[in-house]
Amino acid sequence: MQKRNERSSLTKASRDCDPSPDKRAVRIVDFRQDDHGDWVAVLSCGHTQHVRHRPPWQNRPWVLDPEQRQVRLGSLFPCGWCAMDRSHDEFKEA
């Protein structure tokens, strides 16, 4: 198995950043595709997270359907970067 280095997925923080009290679950504000066509959730904290559908390990069939992605906008999503309690400024694009 070959290890694949990926660059961090970060965006600028939105004005309506509203992390949960424990700072791990934030809201999905948008979706976009990366250079490889994989879907990425843009989170209200400013971070991004890949949301791939690659069964059996990553089972998210909803990400392939535009209507189902639209339904997920505004829903809570656990942000791994925020869960690590890292400074947001250190990991945000300028």
PDB file of N, CA and C in Angstrom:
ATOM      1  N   MET A   1       0.836  -1.169   0.000  1.00  0.00           N
ATOM      2  CA  MET A   1       0.000   0.000   0.000  1.00  0.00           C
ATOM      3  C   MET A   1       0.891   1.246   0.000  1.00  0.00           C
ATOM      4  N   GLN A   2       0.574   2.172  -0.850  1.00  0.00           N
ATOM      5  CA  GLN A   2       1.361   3.387  -0.972  1.00  0.00           C
ATOM      6  C   GLN A   2       0.652   4.526  -0.245  1.00  0.00           C
ATOM      7  N   LYS A   3       1.390   5.235   0.600  1.00  0.00           N
ATOM      8  CA  LYS A   3       0.810   6.357   1.326  1.00  0.00           C
ATOM      9  C   LYS A   3       0.691   7.541   0.389  1.00  0.00           C
ATOM     10  N   ARG A   4      -0.457   8.176   0.418  1.00  0.00           N
ATOM     11  CA  ARG A   4      -0.713   9.317  -0.444  1.00  0.00           C
ATOM     12  C   ARG A   4      -0.769  10.578   0.400  1.00  0.00           C
ATOM     13  N   ASN A   5       0.113  11.497   0.129  1.00  0.00           N
ATOM     14  CA  ASN A   5       0.114  12.764   0.867  1.00  0.00           C
ATOM     15  C   ASN A   5      -0.893  13.697   0.230  1.00  0.00           C
ATOM     16  N   GLU A   6      -1.805  14.204   1.054  1.00  0.00           N
ATOM     17  CA  GLU A   6      -2.782  15.167   0.578  1.00  0.00           C
ATOM     18  C   GLU A   6      -2.550  16.486   1.290  1.00  0.00           C
ATOM     19  N   ARG A   7      -2.719  17.568   0.569  1.00  0.00           N
ATOM     20  CA  ARG A   7      -2.598  18.861   1.225  1.00  0.00           C
ATOM     21  C   ARG A   7      -3.855  19.126   2.018  1.00  0.00           C
ATOM     22  N   SER A   8      -3.750  19.958   3.019  1.00  0.00           N
ATOM     23  CA  SER A   8      -4.898  20.239   3.866  1.00  0.00           C
ATOM     24  C   SER A   8      -5.982  20.946   3.075  1.00  0.00           C
ATOM     25  N   SER A   9      -7.213  20.671   3.444  1.00  0.00           N
ATOM     26  CA  SER A   9      -8.365  21.263   2.790  1.00  0.00           C
ATOM     27  C   SER A   9      -8.915  22.364   3.673  1.00  0.00           C
ATOM     28  N   LEU A  10      -8.586  23.591   3.338  1.00  0.00           N
ATOM     29  CA  LEU A  10      -9.009  24.708   4.166  1.00  0.00           C
ATOM     30  C   LEU A  10      -9.527  25.849   3.306  1.00  0.00           C
ATOM     31  N   THR A  11     -10.470  26.575   3.836  1.00  0.00           N
ATOM     32  CA  THR A  11     -10.984  27.767   3.170  1.00  0.00           C
ATOM     33  C   THR A  11     -11.034  28.889   4.189  1.00  0.00           C
ATOM     34  N   LYS A  12     -11.347  30.074   3.731  1.00  0.00           N
ATOM     35  CA  LYS A  12     -11.495  31.193   4.660  1.00  0.00           C
ATOM     36  C   LYS A  12     -12.754  31.001   5.500  1.00  0.00           C
ATOM     37  N   ALA A  13     -12.722  31.459   6.727  1.00  0.00           N
ATOM     38  CA  ALA A  13     -13.879  31.342   7.616  1.00  0.00           C
ATOM     39  C   ALA A  13     -15.016  32.205   7.103  1.00  0.00           C
ATOM     40  N   SER A  14     -16.220  31.694   7.211  1.00  0.00           N
ATOM     41  CA  SER A  14     -17.370  32.477   6.800  1.00  0.00           C
ATOM     42  C   SER A  14     -17.796  33.385   7.952  1.00  0.00           C
ATOM     43  N   ARG A  15     -18.574  34.401   7.629  1.00  0.00           N
ATOM     44  CA  ARG A  15     -19.020  35.333   8.658  1.00  0.00           C
ATOM     45  C   ARG A  15     -20.012  34.690   9.613  1.00  0.00           C
ATOM     46  N   ASP A  16     -20.700  33.645   9.136  1.00  0.00           N
ATOM     47  CA  ASP A  16     -21.696  33.010   9.995  1.00  0.00           C
ATOM     48  C   ASP A  16     -21.129  31.758  10.657  1.00  0.00           C
ATOM     49  N   CYS A  17     -19.863  31.785  10.983  1.00  0.00           N
ATOM     50  CA  CYS A  17     -19.219  30.650  11.638  1.00  0.00           C
ATOM     51  C   CYS A  17     -19.927  30.370  12.964  1.00  0.00           C
ATOM     52  N   ASP A  18     -20.441  29.156  13.081  1.00  0.00           N
ATOM     53  CA  ASP A  18     -21.218  28.834  14.274  1.00  0.00           C
ATOM     54  C   ASP A  18     -20.885  27.434  14.776  1.00  0.00           C
ATOM     55  N   PRO A  19     -19.672  27.222  15.259  1.00  0.00           N
ATOM     56  CA  PRO A  19     -19.353  25.893  15.774  1.00  0.00           C
ATOM     57  C   PRO A  19     -20.207  25.554  16.984  1.00  0.00           C
ATOM     58  N   SER A  20     -20.394  24.273  17.198  1.00  0.00           N
ATOM     59  CA  SER A  20     -21.160  23.837  18.354  1.00  0.00           C
ATOM     60  C   SER A  20     -20.369  24.157  19.619  1.00  0.00           C
ATOM     61  N   PRO A  21     -20.999  24.079  20.778  1.00  0.00           N
ATOM     62  CA  PRO A  21     -20.294  24.404  22.031  1.00  0.00           C
ATOM     63  C   PRO A  21     -19.013  23.596  22.240  1.00  0.00           C
ATOM     64  N   ASP A  22     -18.983  22.353  21.752  1.00  0.00           N
ATOM     65  CA  ASP A  22     -17.763  21.572  21.946  1.00  0.00           C
ATOM     66  C   ASP A  22     -16.747  21.796  20.825  1.00  0.00           C
ATOM     67  N   LYS A  23     -17.049  22.678  19.886  1.00  0.00           N
ATOM     68  CA  LYS A  23     -16.159  23.105  18.802  1.00  0.00           C
ATOM     69  C   LYS A  23     -15.774  21.980  17.839  1.00  0.00           C
ATOM     70  N   ARG A  24     -16.557  20.899  17.815  1.00  0.00           N
ATOM     71  CA  ARG A  24     -16.245  19.816  16.886  1.00  0.00           C
ATOM     72  C   ARG A  24     -17.267  19.671  15.782  1.00  0.00           C
ATOM     73  N   ALA A  25     -18.510  20.023  16.015  1.00  0.00           N
ATOM     74  CA  ALA A  25     -19.540  19.891  14.993  1.00  0.00           C
ATOM     75  C   ALA A  25     -19.915  21.275  14.493  1.00  0.00           C
ATOM     76  N   VAL A  26     -19.809  21.467  13.211  1.00  0.00           N
ATOM     77  CA  VAL A  26     -20.136  22.742  12.578  1.00  0.00           C
ATOM     78  C   VAL A  26     -21.149  22.455  11.473  1.00  0.00           C
ATOM     79  N   ARG A  27     -21.556  23.452  10.757  1.00  0.00           N
ATOM     80  CA  ARG A  27     -22.564  23.264   9.707  1.00  0.00           C
ATOM     81  C   ARG A  27     -21.922  23.220   8.327  1.00  0.00           C
ATOM     82  N   ILE A  28     -22.555  22.446   7.445  1.00  0.00           N
ATOM     83  CA  ILE A  28     -22.135  22.399   6.040  1.00  0.00           C
ATOM     84  C   ILE A  28     -22.743  23.613   5.357  1.00  0.00           C
ATOM     85  N   VAL A  29     -21.900  24.437   4.730  1.00  0.00           N
ATOM     86  CA  VAL A  29     -22.398  25.638   4.054  1.00  0.00           C
ATOM     87  C   VAL A  29     -22.360  25.515   2.534  1.00  0.00           C
ATOM     88  N   ASP A  30     -21.584  24.554   2.020  1.00  0.00           N
ATOM     89  CA  ASP A  30     -21.498  24.395   0.566  1.00  0.00           C
ATOM     90  C   ASP A  30     -20.797  23.082   0.242  1.00  0.00           C
ATOM     91  N   PHE A  31     -20.842  22.700  -1.017  1.00  0.00           N
ATOM     92  CA  PHE A  31     -20.091  21.562  -1.531  1.00  0.00           C
ATOM     93  C   PHE A  31     -19.360  22.010  -2.787  1.00  0.00           C
ATOM     94  N   ARG A  32     -18.211  21.435  -3.017  1.00  0.00           N
ATOM     95  CA  ARG A  32     -17.459  21.673  -4.256  1.00  0.00           C
ATOM     96  C   ARG A  32     -16.722  20.394  -4.600  1.00  0.00           C
ATOM     97  N   GLN A  33     -16.169  20.327  -5.788  1.00  0.00           N
ATOM     98  CA  GLN A  33     -15.370  19.178  -6.176  1.00  0.00           C
ATOM     99  C   GLN A  33     -13.910  19.574  -6.245  1.00  0.00           C
ATOM    100  N   ASP A  34     -13.032  18.653  -5.841  1.00  0.00           N
ATOM    101  CA  ASP A  34     -11.597  18.920  -5.915  1.00  0.00           C
ATOM    102  C   ASP A  34     -11.092  18.596  -7.324  1.00  0.00           C
ATOM    103  N   ASP A  35      -9.789  18.683  -7.526  1.00  0.00           N
ATOM    104  CA  ASP A  35      -9.189  18.457  -8.844  1.00  0.00           C
ATOM    105  C   ASP A  35      -9.386  17.043  -9.363  1.00  0.00           C
ATOM    106  N   HIS A  36      -9.698  16.101  -8.474  1.00  0.00           N
ATOM    107  CA  HIS A  36      -9.888  14.702  -8.858  1.00  0.00           C
ATOM    108  C   HIS A  36     -11.359  14.338  -9.002  1.00  0.00           C
ATOM    109  N   GLY A  37     -12.254  15.304  -8.787  1.00  0.00           N
ATOM    110  CA  GLY A  37     -13.685  15.055  -8.897  1.00  0.00           C
ATOM    111  C   GLY A  37     -14.331  14.557  -7.622  1.00  0.00           C
ATOM    112  N   ASP A  38     -13.561  14.479  -6.528  1.00  0.00           N
ATOM    113  CA  ASP A  38     -14.120  14.060  -5.247  1.00  0.00           C
ATOM    114  C   ASP A  38     -14.866  15.238  -4.618  1.00  0.00           C
ATOM    115  N   TRP A  39     -15.977  14.945  -3.923  1.00  0.00           N
ATOM    116  CA  TRP A  39     -16.766  15.993  -3.294  1.00  0.00           C
ATOM    117  C   TRP A  39     -16.164  16.421  -1.968  1.00  0.00           C
ATOM    118  N   VAL A  40     -16.228  17.718  -1.708  1.00  0.00           N
ATOM    119  CA  VAL A  40     -15.675  18.332  -0.510  1.00  0.00           C
ATOM    120  C   VAL A  40     -16.775  19.180   0.132  1.00  0.00           C
ATOM    121  N   ALA A  41     -17.004  18.976   1.429  1.00  0.00           N
ATOM    122  CA  ALA A  41     -17.951  19.809   2.170  1.00  0.00           C
ATOM    123  C   ALA A  41     -17.214  21.036   2.683  1.00  0.00           C
ATOM    124  N   VAL A  42     -17.778  22.207   2.449  1.00  0.00           N
ATOM    125  CA  VAL A  42     -17.236  23.454   2.976  1.00  0.00           C
ATOM    126  C   VAL A  42     -17.991  23.717   4.275  1.00  0.00           C
ATOM    127  N   LEU A  43     -17.256  23.856   5.374  1.00  0.00           N
ATOM    128  CA  LEU A  43     -17.852  23.954   6.695  1.00  0.00           C
ATOM    129  C   LEU A  43     -17.877  25.391   7.212  1.00  0.00           C
ATOM    130  N   SER A  44     -18.801  25.676   8.110  1.00  0.00           N
ATOM    131  CA  SER A  44     -18.973  27.041   8.621  1.00  0.00           C
ATOM    132  C   SER A  44     -17.778  27.533   9.428  1.00  0.00           C
ATOM    133  N   CYS A  45     -16.941  26.630   9.901  1.00  0.00           N
ATOM    134  CA  CYS A  45     -15.752  27.036  10.655  1.00  0.00           C
ATOM    135  C   CYS A  45     -14.628  27.493   9.728  1.00  0.00           C
ATOM    136  N   GLY A  46     -14.802  27.287   8.412  1.00  0.00           N
ATOM    137  CA  GLY A  46     -13.775  27.671   7.457  1.00  0.00           C
ATOM    138  C   GLY A  46     -12.967  26.499   6.949  1.00  0.00           C
ATOM    139  N   HIS A  47     -13.053  25.360   7.599  1.00  0.00           N
ATOM    140  CA  HIS A  47     -12.353  24.165   7.133  1.00  0.00           C
ATOM    141  C   HIS A  47     -13.176  23.468   6.058  1.00  0.00           C
ATOM    142  N   THR A  48     -12.558  22.511   5.377  1.00  0.00           N
ATOM    143  CA  THR A  48     -13.256  21.675   4.407  1.00  0.00           C
ATOM    144  C   THR A  48     -12.982  20.220   4.730  1.00  0.00           C
ATOM    145  N   GLN A  49     -13.860  19.356   4.255  1.00  0.00           N
ATOM    146  CA  GLN A  49     -13.717  17.930   4.522  1.00  0.00           C
ATOM    147  C   GLN A  49     -14.192  17.141   3.308  1.00  0.00           C
ATOM    148  N   HIS A  50     -13.359  16.214   2.833  1.00  0.00           N
ATOM    149  CA  HIS A  50     -13.805  15.337   1.753  1.00  0.00           C
ATOM    150  C   HIS A  50     -14.968  14.482   2.229  1.00  0.00           C
ATOM    151  N   VAL A  51     -15.952  14.320   1.386  1.00  0.00           N
ATOM    152  CA  VAL A  51     -17.094  13.447   1.670  1.00  0.00           C
ATOM    153  C   VAL A  51     -17.233  12.485   0.487  1.00  0.00           C
ATOM    154  N   ARG A  52     -16.403  11.458   0.504  1.00  0.00           N
ATOM    155  CA  ARG A  52     -16.348  10.510  -0.610  1.00  0.00           C
ATOM    156  C   ARG A  52     -17.323   9.353  -0.399  1.00  0.00           C
ATOM    157  N   HIS A  53     -17.735   8.777  -1.507  1.00  0.00           N
ATOM    158  CA  HIS A  53     -18.528   7.544  -1.481  1.00  0.00           C
ATOM    159  C   HIS A  53     -17.670   6.459  -2.116  1.00  0.00           C
ATOM    160  N   ARG A  54     -17.018   5.678  -1.275  1.00  0.00           N
ATOM    161  CA  ARG A  54     -16.165   4.579  -1.724  1.00  0.00           C
ATOM    162  C   ARG A  54     -16.434   3.358  -0.849  1.00  0.00           C
ATOM    163  N   PRO A  55     -17.573   2.675  -1.113  1.00  0.00           N
ATOM    164  CA  PRO A  55     -17.905   1.507  -0.294  1.00  0.00           C
ATOM    165  C   PRO A  55     -16.816   0.446  -0.372  1.00  0.00           C
ATOM    166  N   PRO A  56     -16.605  -0.346   0.639  1.00  0.00           N
ATOM    167  CA  PRO A  56     -17.376  -0.415   1.879  1.00  0.00           C
ATOM    168  C   PRO A  56     -16.828   0.499   2.971  1.00  0.00           C
ATOM    169  N   TRP A  57     -15.715   1.185   2.735  1.00  0.00           N
ATOM    170  CA  TRP A  57     -15.103   1.996   3.799  1.00  0.00           C
ATOM    171  C   TRP A  57     -15.761   3.351   3.981  1.00  0.00           C
ATOM    172  N   GLN A  58     -16.120   3.985   2.907  1.00  0.00           N
ATOM    173  CA  GLN A  58     -16.774   5.295   2.977  1.00  0.00           C
ATOM    174  C   GLN A  58     -18.117   5.172   2.267  1.00  0.00           C
ATOM    175  N   ASN A  59     -19.167   5.047   3.031  1.00  0.00           N
ATOM    176  CA  ASN A  59     -20.487   4.794   2.476  1.00  0.00           C
ATOM    177  C   ASN A  59     -21.343   6.058   2.572  1.00  0.00           C
ATOM    178  N   ARG A  60     -21.250   6.896   1.559  1.00  0.00           N
ATOM    179  CA  ARG A  60     -22.029   8.137   1.502  1.00  0.00           C
ATOM    180  C   ARG A  60     -22.672   8.269   0.120  1.00  0.00           C
ATOM    181  N   PRO A  61     -23.620   7.421  -0.216  1.00  0.00           N
ATOM    182  CA  PRO A  61     -24.221   7.502  -1.556  1.00  0.00           C
ATOM    183  C   PRO A  61     -24.910   8.838  -1.813  1.00  0.00           C
ATOM    184  N   TRP A  62     -25.328   9.527  -0.750  1.00  0.00           N
ATOM    185  CA  TRP A  62     -26.007  10.807  -0.900  1.00  0.00           C
ATOM    186  C   TRP A  62     -25.149  11.861  -1.581  1.00  0.00           C
ATOM    187  N   VAL A  63     -23.838  11.746  -1.469  1.00  0.00           N
ATOM    188  CA  VAL A  63     -22.966  12.785  -2.023  1.00  0.00           C
ATOM    189  C   VAL A  63     -22.984  12.786  -3.561  1.00  0.00           C
ATOM    190  N   LEU A  64     -23.408  11.695  -4.157  1.00  0.00           N
ATOM    191  CA  LEU A  64     -23.441  11.599  -5.614  1.00  0.00           C
ATOM    192  C   LEU A  64     -24.686  12.243  -6.221  1.00  0.00           C
ATOM    193  N   ASP A  65     -25.692  12.528  -5.415  1.00  0.00           N
ATOM    194  CA  ASP A  65     -26.955  13.085  -5.894  1.00  0.00           C
ATOM    195  C   ASP A  65     -27.059  14.567  -5.528  1.00  0.00           C
ATOM    196  N   PRO A  66     -27.195  15.449  -6.535  1.00  0.00           N
ATOM    197  CA  PRO A  66     -27.265  16.892  -6.256  1.00  0.00           C
ATOM    198  C   PRO A  66     -28.390  17.276  -5.292  1.00  0.00           C
ATOM    199  N   GLU A  67     -29.549  16.645  -5.407  1.00  0.00           N
ATOM    200  CA  GLU A  67     -30.668  16.972  -4.516  1.00  0.00           C
ATOM    201  C   GLU A  67     -30.361  16.556  -3.077  1.00  0.00           C
ATOM    202  N   GLN A  68     -29.742  15.397  -2.905  1.00  0.00           N
ATOM    203  CA  GLN A  68     -29.414  14.948  -1.550  1.00  0.00           C
ATOM    204  C   GLN A  68     -28.304  15.800  -0.931  1.00  0.00           C
ATOM    205  N   ARG A  69     -27.361  16.282  -1.744  1.00  0.00           N
ATOM    206  CA  ARG A  69     -26.345  17.207  -1.220  1.00  0.00           C
ATOM    207  C   ARG A  69     -27.019  18.494  -0.762  1.00  0.00           C
ATOM    208  N   GLN A  70     -27.961  18.983  -1.541  1.00  0.00           N
ATOM    209  CA  GLN A  70     -28.674  20.219  -1.207  1.00  0.00           C
ATOM    210  C   GLN A  70     -29.397  20.081   0.133  1.00  0.00           C
ATOM    211  N   VAL A  71     -29.985  18.915   0.385  1.00  0.00           N
ATOM    212  CA  VAL A  71     -30.694  18.668   1.646  1.00  0.00           C
ATOM    213  C   VAL A  71     -29.730  18.732   2.827  1.00  0.00           C
ATOM    214  N   ARG A  72     -28.477  18.368   2.610  1.00  0.00           N
ATOM    215  CA  ARG A  72     -27.486  18.347   3.699  1.00  0.00           C
ATOM    216  C   ARG A  72     -26.951  19.732   4.068  1.00  0.00           C
ATOM    217  N   LEU A  73     -27.171  20.730   3.222  1.00  0.00           N
ATOM    218  CA  LEU A  73     -26.700  22.084   3.536  1.00  0.00           C
ATOM    219  C   LEU A  73     -27.333  22.545   4.846  1.00  0.00           C
ATOM    220  N   GLY A  74     -26.521  23.076   5.738  1.00  0.00           N
ATOM    221  CA  GLY A  74     -26.992  23.549   7.036  1.00  0.00           C
ATOM    222  C   GLY A  74     -26.988  22.479   8.112  1.00  0.00           C
ATOM    223  N   SER A  75     -26.742  21.234   7.732  1.00  0.00           N
ATOM    224  CA  SER A  75     -26.736  20.172   8.751  1.00  0.00           C
ATOM    225  C   SER A  75     -25.393  20.147   9.481  1.00  0.00           C
ATOM    226  N   LEU A  76     -25.412  19.598  10.685  1.00  0.00           N
ATOM    227  CA  LEU A  76     -24.194  19.504  11.486  1.00  0.00           C
ATOM    228  C   LEU A  76     -23.248  18.473  10.900  1.00  0.00           C
ATOM    229  N   PHE A  77     -21.957  18.750  11.004  1.00  0.00           N
ATOM    230  CA  PHE A  77     -20.923  17.858  10.492  1.00  0.00           C
ATOM    231  C   PHE A  77     -19.735  17.931  11.456  1.00  0.00           C
ATOM    232  N   PRO A  78     -19.170  16.806  11.840  1.00  0.00           N
ATOM    233  CA  PRO A  78     -18.022  16.836  12.760  1.00  0.00           C
ATOM    234  C   PRO A  78     -16.751  17.281  12.037  1.00  0.00           C
ATOM    235  N   CYS A  79     -16.173  18.376  12.475  1.00  0.00           N
ATOM    236  CA  CYS A  79     -14.943  18.888  11.861  1.00  0.00           C
ATOM    237  C   CYS A  79     -13.732  18.286  12.580  1.00  0.00           C
ATOM    238  N   GLY A  80     -12.948  17.527  11.852  1.00  0.00           N
ATOM    239  CA  GLY A  80     -11.756  16.906  12.429  1.00  0.00           C
ATOM    240  C   GLY A  80     -10.708  17.918  12.862  1.00  0.00           C
ATOM    241  N   TRP A  81     -10.559  19.015  12.098  1.00  0.00           N
ATOM    242  CA  TRP A  81      -9.581  20.040  12.466  1.00  0.00           C
ATOM    243  C   TRP A  81      -9.971  20.695  13.788  1.00  0.00           C
ATOM    244  N   CYS A  82     -11.245  21.040  13.912  1.00  0.00           N
ATOM    245  CA  CYS A  82     -11.707  21.678  15.149  1.00  0.00           C
ATOM    246  C   CYS A  82     -11.612  20.708  16.328  1.00  0.00           C
ATOM    247  N   ALA A  83     -11.854  19.424  16.076  1.00  0.00           N
ATOM    248  CA  ALA A  83     -11.783  18.429  17.144  1.00  0.00           C
ATOM    249  C   ALA A  83     -10.372  18.306  17.703  1.00  0.00           C
ATOM    250  N   MET A  84      -9.376  18.618  16.893  1.00  0.00           N
ATOM    251  CA  MET A  84      -7.988  18.546  17.357  1.00  0.00           C
ATOM    252  C   MET A  84      -7.609  19.778  18.153  1.00  0.00           C
ATOM    253  N   ASP A  85      -8.554  20.724  18.336  1.00  0.00           N
ATOM    254  CA  ASP A  85      -8.312  21.964  19.083  1.00  0.00           C
ATOM    255  C   ASP A  85      -7.109  22.735  18.559  1.00  0.00           C
ATOM    256  N   ARG A  86      -6.938  22.721  17.273  1.00  0.00           N
ATOM    257  CA  ARG A  86      -5.846  23.500  16.679  1.00  0.00           C
ATOM    258  C   ARG A  86      -6.341  24.902  16.384  1.00  0.00           C
ATOM    259  N   SER A  87      -5.445  25.826  16.425  1.00  0.00           N
ATOM    260  CA  SER A  87      -5.781  27.206  16.134  1.00  0.00           C
ATOM    261  C   SER A  87      -6.264  27.309  14.678  1.00  0.00           C
ATOM    262  N   HIS A  88      -7.435  27.900  14.488  1.00  0.00           N
ATOM    263  CA  HIS A  88      -7.961  28.028  13.135  1.00  0.00           C
ATOM    264  C   HIS A  88      -7.057  28.886  12.262  1.00  0.00           C
ATOM    265  N   ASP A  89      -6.488  29.933  12.812  1.00  0.00           N
ATOM    266  CA  ASP A  89      -5.658  30.833  12.017  1.00  0.00           C
ATOM    267  C   ASP A  89      -4.452  30.099  11.433  1.00  0.00           C
ATOM    268  N   GLU A  90      -3.943  29.145  12.150  1.00  0.00           N
ATOM    269  CA  GLU A  90      -2.758  28.413  11.696  1.00  0.00           C
ATOM    270  C   GLU A  90      -3.062  27.578  10.456  1.00  0.00           C
ATOM    271  N   PHE A  91      -4.319  27.161  10.265  1.00  0.00           N
ATOM    272  CA  PHE A  91      -4.671  26.265   9.187  1.00  0.00           C
ATOM    273  C   PHE A  91      -5.572  26.897   8.130  1.00  0.00           C
ATOM    274  N   LYS A  92      -5.759  28.190   8.170  1.00  0.00           N
ATOM    275  CA  LYS A  92      -6.613  28.871   7.202  1.00  0.00           C
ATOM    276  C   LYS A  92      -5.769  29.472   6.092  1.00  0.00           C
ATOM    277  N   GLU A  93      -6.373  29.486   4.908  1.00  0.00           N
ATOM    278  CA  GLU A  93      -5.705  30.153   3.806  1.00  0.00           C
ATOM    279  C   GLU A  93      -5.822  31.657   4.006  1.00  0.00           C
ATOM    280  N   ALA A  94      -4.842  32.373   3.596  1.00  0.00           N
ATOM    281  CA  ALA A  94      -4.866  33.832   3.757  1.00  0.00           C
ATOM    282  C   ALA A  94      -5.696  34.488   2.690  1.00  0.00           C
TER     283      ALA A  94
END
